[in-house]
Protein backbone atom coordinates (compact mmCIF):
# COMPACT_ATOMS: atom_id res chain seq x y z
CA UNK A 1 -0.53 21.38 8.61
CA UNK A 2 0.72 18.66 6.18
CA UNK A 3 2.77 19.99 3.31
CA UNK A 4 4.14 18.60 0.11
CA UNK A 5 7.20 17.40 1.87
CA UNK A 6 4.95 14.98 3.87
CA UNK A 7 4.07 12.91 0.75
CA UNK A 8 7.38 10.95 1.50
CA UNK A 9 6.15 10.08 5.01
CA UNK A 10 4.06 6.84 5.34
CA UNK A 11 0.54 7.88 5.69
CA UNK A 12 -0.09 9.03 9.15
CA UNK A 13 2.87 7.32 10.94
CA UNK A 14 5.44 9.87 10.10
CA UNK A 15 8.10 7.27 9.04
CA UNK A 16 10.22 7.70 5.99
CA UNK A 17 10.34 4.57 3.89
CA UNK A 18 13.40 4.19 1.67
CA UNK A 19 14.15 1.83 -1.25
CA UNK A 20 17.70 1.67 -2.28
CA UNK A 21 18.47 4.82 -0.42
CA UNK A 22 15.82 6.78 -1.98
CA UNK A 23 12.57 8.09 -0.22
CA UNK A 24 9.40 6.48 -1.46
CA UNK A 25 6.92 9.01 -2.59
CA UNK A 26 3.54 7.35 -1.80
CA UNK A 27 1.59 9.67 -3.81
CA UNK A 28 3.00 8.11 -6.96
CA UNK A 29 2.56 4.50 -5.91
CA UNK A 30 -0.36 2.24 -6.57
CA UNK A 31 -1.61 -0.53 -3.99
CA UNK A 32 -1.37 -4.09 -5.09
CA UNK A 33 -4.70 -5.83 -3.73
CA UNK A 34 -4.70 -2.94 -1.33
CA UNK A 35 -1.90 -4.36 0.56
CA UNK A 36 1.52 -3.81 -1.05
CA UNK A 37 2.83 -0.61 -2.80
CA UNK A 38 4.28 -1.05 -6.28
CA UNK A 39 8.09 -1.16 -6.31
CA UNK A 40 8.32 -1.26 -2.58
CA UNK A 41 9.71 -4.75 -1.52
CA UNK A 42 8.61 -6.76 1.54
CA UNK A 43 6.30 -3.91 2.76
CA UNK A 44 2.64 -5.06 3.55
CA UNK A 45 0.04 -2.52 4.76
CA UNK A 46 -2.79 -3.48 6.93
CA UNK A 47 -5.94 -1.53 6.79
CA UNK A 48 -9.68 -2.31 7.14
CA UNK A 49 -12.62 -1.44 4.83
CA UNK A 50 -13.81 2.18 4.65
CA UNK A 51 -17.47 1.26 4.13
CA UNK A 52 -17.72 -2.27 6.09
CA UNK A 53 -16.50 -4.05 8.86
CA UNK A 54 -12.89 -2.79 9.52
CA UNK A 55 -11.72 -6.13 11.11
CA UNK A 56 -13.03 -8.16 8.30
CA UNK A 57 -10.82 -6.63 5.74
CA UNK A 58 -7.78 -6.77 8.28
CA UNK A 59 -8.31 -10.34 8.75
CA UNK A 60 -8.41 -11.00 4.95
CA UNK A 61 -5.14 -8.73 4.33
CA UNK A 62 -3.24 -10.45 7.25
CA UNK A 63 -4.11 -14.02 5.82
CA UNK A 64 -2.96 -12.80 2.37
CA UNK A 65 0.36 -11.59 3.93
CA UNK A 66 0.81 -14.86 5.94
CA UNK A 67 0.31 -16.88 2.65
CA UNK A 68 2.75 -14.76 0.78
CA UNK A 69 5.41 -15.22 3.56
CA UNK A 70 4.85 -18.91 3.71
CA UNK A 71 5.12 -19.31 -0.10
CA UNK A 72 8.35 -17.14 0.10
CA UNK A 73 9.80 -19.35 2.78
CA UNK A 74 8.87 -22.62 0.86
CA UNK A 75 10.32 -21.34 -2.48
CA UNK A 76 13.41 -19.56 -0.79
CA UNK A 77 12.36 -16.10 -2.14
CA UNK A 78 13.66 -13.35 -0.15
CA UNK A 79 11.82 -10.39 -1.65
CA UNK A 80 8.38 -9.75 -3.11
CA UNK A 81 7.72 -6.65 -5.16
CA UNK A 82 4.63 -5.75 -6.81
CA UNK A 83 5.10 -4.09 -10.27
CA UNK A 84 2.13 -2.23 -11.62
CA UNK A 85 2.26 -1.91 -15.53
CA UNK A 86 2.18 1.59 -16.76
CA UNK A 87 -1.20 1.34 -18.48
CA UNK A 88 -2.73 0.13 -15.20
CA UNK A 89 -1.81 3.31 -13.15
CA UNK A 90 -4.77 5.69 -12.83
CA UNK A 91 -4.83 9.10 -11.17
CA UNK A 92 -7.33 9.58 -8.26
CA UNK A 93 -8.12 5.93 -8.20
CA UNK A 94 -9.31 6.04 -4.40
CA UNK A 95 -11.14 9.33 -5.01
CA UNK A 96 -13.09 7.87 -7.94
CA UNK A 97 -14.33 5.06 -6.00
CA UNK A 98 -15.41 6.78 -2.75
CA UNK A 99 -17.55 10.01 -2.47
CA UNK A 100 -17.07 10.74 1.06
CA UNK A 101 -15.70 14.19 1.82
CA UNK A 102 -12.74 12.87 3.81
CA UNK A 103 -11.57 10.69 0.81
CA UNK A 104 -12.18 13.45 -1.67
CA UNK A 105 -9.96 16.00 0.22
C-alpha cells in the first residue's frame, strides 16, 4: 500500500527525481501545460487524455516537447524550467476538473 513516503516517487514508476540533490515532492508541484512540472528542469511527462483518445494527447505532448528541444538547440539554451507563480497554484486542481472515482481517490 502506498504511503506518504511515496510522494517523492514519480507517479507509478517508482523512480526518485532529484533537483540539486533534493527529492522532488510531486504532490507539491503544478503541471505546466500538462507536460512539465514546475521547478523541475528538462523533465517532460507524456500522458494521454483521461476522457478522450489517449494517443491524441500523447501526440500533442510529444510534438510540443520536440518544438521546445528544437528551440533550445537553436537558441543555445541548456535548461527549460517552468515556474508557476504563487497565485496560480491551486489545491486539488485535477480532482476539481474530473469527477471519476479513481481521480477523486
